[in-house]
Every structure is written in structure tokens, then in C-alpha cells.
Amino acid sequence: MKKIAVLLFVSAFLIIASCSQKSVPKKSDTAVAPAKVVTGYASVVKQLIQAKCAPCHIPSAGGNKTPLDNYDGAKKMADEIIRRVELNPGEKGYMPFKRDKLSAEEIAVFKQWRDDGLAE
């Protein structure tokens, strides 16, 4: 008799457990990761260079230093740009020469551009 009672109890438990409603996420309930925005030369970096590196590195503005006014020139110098803008005023090679240090956000733009593969 005890065996039958245990068997009925286990069977009832399994039936009740299998009948519980499980939550299955719907497609509309799942979060969609936003598309990664790639930092590009034309979209962001060029404007930063024009604002912070002119006139020295912009030949059309009378600059006679390494030209950064085009994608190829800036791409070749990307690592050097980052190295120099991370220096502190007074350190040899600091850029922008005789101007205020770029903000952390501005420096981050150059780093993100590099990390994104130097997109045009």
C-alpha cells in the first residue's frame, strides 16, 4: 500500500511539474544590441584635426608641418598623433604645440578611430 501511495505521489508531482507554464521569450521581447558606430576620418576625425591642428598641419591654411588634412596623411600618422596628444605640455613632442591639451574625450576620438581600423 505504501508503494502505491509513493508511486501516486511521485506521479502527481511529475504531472503538476510538467504542466507549469514556462516563459518563452518572444522575438519582440528579446533585446537587440545596437549597431556599433564606427569612428571614421570623414565623419569625426577630420573636424577634430581642423579644429585642433590648424593651421600648422593644414597646408591650405598655410601650414607647413606634416599634413593631416587628408585621410592618407592622418592614417599614416595615427599612432604618432595619439602619442603626441597624450604628452603633457612642456614634454618634447607635445601637441598641439603652444596650445591647450586636448580633452580626454578628444584624445579618445583618435584612439577609437585607430581601434575601429582607421576607417575612412
Protein backbone atom coordinates (compact mmCIF):
# COMPACT_ATOMS: atom_id res chain seq x y z
CA MET A 1 0.00 0.00 0.00
CA LYS A 2 2.85 2.36 0.84
CA LYS A 3 4.44 1.65 -2.55
CA ILE A 4 1.22 2.64 -4.33
CA ALA A 5 0.94 5.84 -2.28
CA VAL A 6 4.56 6.80 -3.05
CA LEU A 7 4.07 5.96 -6.72
CA LEU A 8 0.89 8.09 -6.88
CA PHE A 9 2.60 10.96 -5.07
CA VAL A 10 5.61 10.93 -7.44
CA SER A 11 3.32 10.63 -10.49
CA ALA A 12 1.16 13.52 -9.32
CA PHE A 13 4.25 15.64 -8.66
CA LEU A 14 5.65 14.96 -12.15
CA ILE A 15 2.31 15.73 -13.80
CA ILE A 16 1.93 19.00 -11.92
CA ALA A 17 5.54 19.99 -12.60
CA SER A 18 5.22 19.29 -16.32
CA CYS A 19 2.02 21.32 -16.57
CA SER A 20 3.56 24.51 -15.25
CA GLN A 21 3.73 27.25 -17.84
CA LYS A 22 7.25 28.12 -18.85
CA SER A 23 8.03 31.58 -20.11
CA VAL A 24 9.43 31.50 -23.61
CA PRO A 25 10.69 34.87 -24.80
CA LYS A 26 9.03 36.19 -27.92
CA LYS A 27 11.12 37.78 -30.61
CA SER A 28 9.77 41.17 -29.64
CA ASP A 29 10.82 40.59 -26.01
CA THR A 30 14.48 39.96 -26.78
CA ALA A 31 16.82 42.91 -26.66
CA VAL A 32 18.59 43.81 -29.87
CA ALA A 33 22.12 45.09 -29.48
CA PRO A 34 22.54 48.48 -31.12
CA ALA A 35 24.72 48.58 -34.20
CA LYS A 36 28.28 49.63 -33.45
CA VAL A 37 29.04 53.08 -34.74
CA VAL A 38 32.45 53.18 -36.39
CA THR A 39 34.51 56.33 -35.93
CA GLY A 40 35.62 57.44 -39.38
CA TYR A 41 38.04 60.07 -40.65
CA ALA A 42 35.48 61.96 -42.71
CA SER A 43 32.71 61.79 -40.12
CA VAL A 44 34.61 62.78 -36.96
CA VAL A 45 38.40 62.87 -37.10
CA LYS A 46 38.75 65.43 -39.89
CA GLN A 47 36.71 68.02 -37.98
CA LEU A 48 38.79 67.45 -34.84
CA ILE A 49 42.03 67.86 -36.80
CA GLN A 50 40.72 71.05 -38.42
CA ALA A 51 39.74 72.45 -35.03
CA LYS A 52 42.82 71.46 -33.05
CA CYS A 53 45.70 71.01 -35.52
CA ALA A 54 45.18 74.02 -37.79
CA PRO A 55 46.86 75.92 -39.20
CA CYS A 56 50.15 74.05 -38.72
CA HIS A 57 49.04 70.70 -40.18
CA ILE A 58 46.60 72.09 -42.77
CA PRO A 59 48.53 73.18 -45.89
CA SER A 60 45.59 75.13 -47.33
CA ALA A 61 45.58 77.20 -44.12
CA GLY A 62 49.28 78.00 -44.52
CA GLY A 63 50.60 75.09 -42.50
CA ASN A 64 53.99 73.65 -43.32
CA LYS A 65 54.09 70.69 -40.90
CA THR A 66 53.14 67.08 -41.64
CA PRO A 67 49.81 67.41 -43.50
CA LEU A 68 46.85 65.86 -41.69
CA ASP A 69 44.16 67.44 -43.85
CA ASN A 70 43.52 64.25 -45.80
CA TYR A 71 42.75 60.66 -44.91
CA ASP A 72 46.04 59.15 -46.11
CA GLY A 73 48.18 61.65 -44.21
CA ALA A 74 46.24 61.26 -40.98
CA LYS A 75 46.10 57.47 -41.30
CA LYS A 76 49.89 57.23 -41.65
CA MET A 77 50.36 59.38 -38.56
CA ALA A 78 47.56 57.98 -36.37
CA ASP A 79 49.78 56.31 -33.78
CA GLU A 80 52.10 59.32 -33.65
CA ILE A 81 49.14 61.71 -33.28
CA ILE A 82 47.88 59.69 -30.31
CA ARG A 83 51.33 59.50 -28.73
CA ARG A 84 51.90 63.24 -29.02
CA VAL A 85 48.49 64.45 -27.86
CA GLU A 86 48.81 62.22 -24.79
CA LEU A 87 52.01 64.03 -23.75
CA ASN A 88 51.76 66.88 -21.26
CA PRO A 89 52.57 70.49 -22.18
CA GLY A 90 56.30 71.05 -21.87
CA GLU A 91 57.22 67.48 -22.83
CA LYS A 92 59.23 67.08 -26.01
CA GLY A 93 56.90 66.42 -28.94
CA TYR A 94 53.73 67.63 -27.16
CA MET A 95 50.89 68.55 -29.49
CA PRO A 96 49.11 70.80 -30.16
CA PHE A 97 52.19 72.98 -29.91
CA LYS A 98 51.71 76.09 -27.74
CA ARG A 99 48.02 75.30 -27.28
CA ASP A 100 45.86 73.75 -24.58
CA LYS A 101 45.95 70.00 -24.13
CA LEU A 102 43.20 68.10 -25.90
CA SER A 103 40.44 66.87 -23.61
CA ALA A 104 40.24 63.20 -22.70
CA GLU A 105 37.19 62.94 -24.97
CA GLU A 106 39.07 64.43 -27.92
CA ILE A 107 42.01 62.07 -27.39
CA ALA A 108 39.52 59.20 -27.14
CA VAL A 109 38.24 60.06 -30.64
CA PHE A 110 41.69 59.42 -32.12
CA LYS A 111 42.05 56.19 -30.13
CA GLN A 112 38.59 54.98 -31.15
CA TRP A 113 39.36 55.75 -34.78
CA ARG A 114 42.52 53.64 -34.54
CA ASP A 115 40.72 50.85 -32.67
CA ASP A 116 37.94 50.84 -35.29
CA GLY A 117 40.52 50.14 -38.00
CA LEU A 118 41.23 53.70 -39.20
CA ALA A 119 38.02 53.89 -41.23
CA GLU A 120 37.85 56.48 -43.97
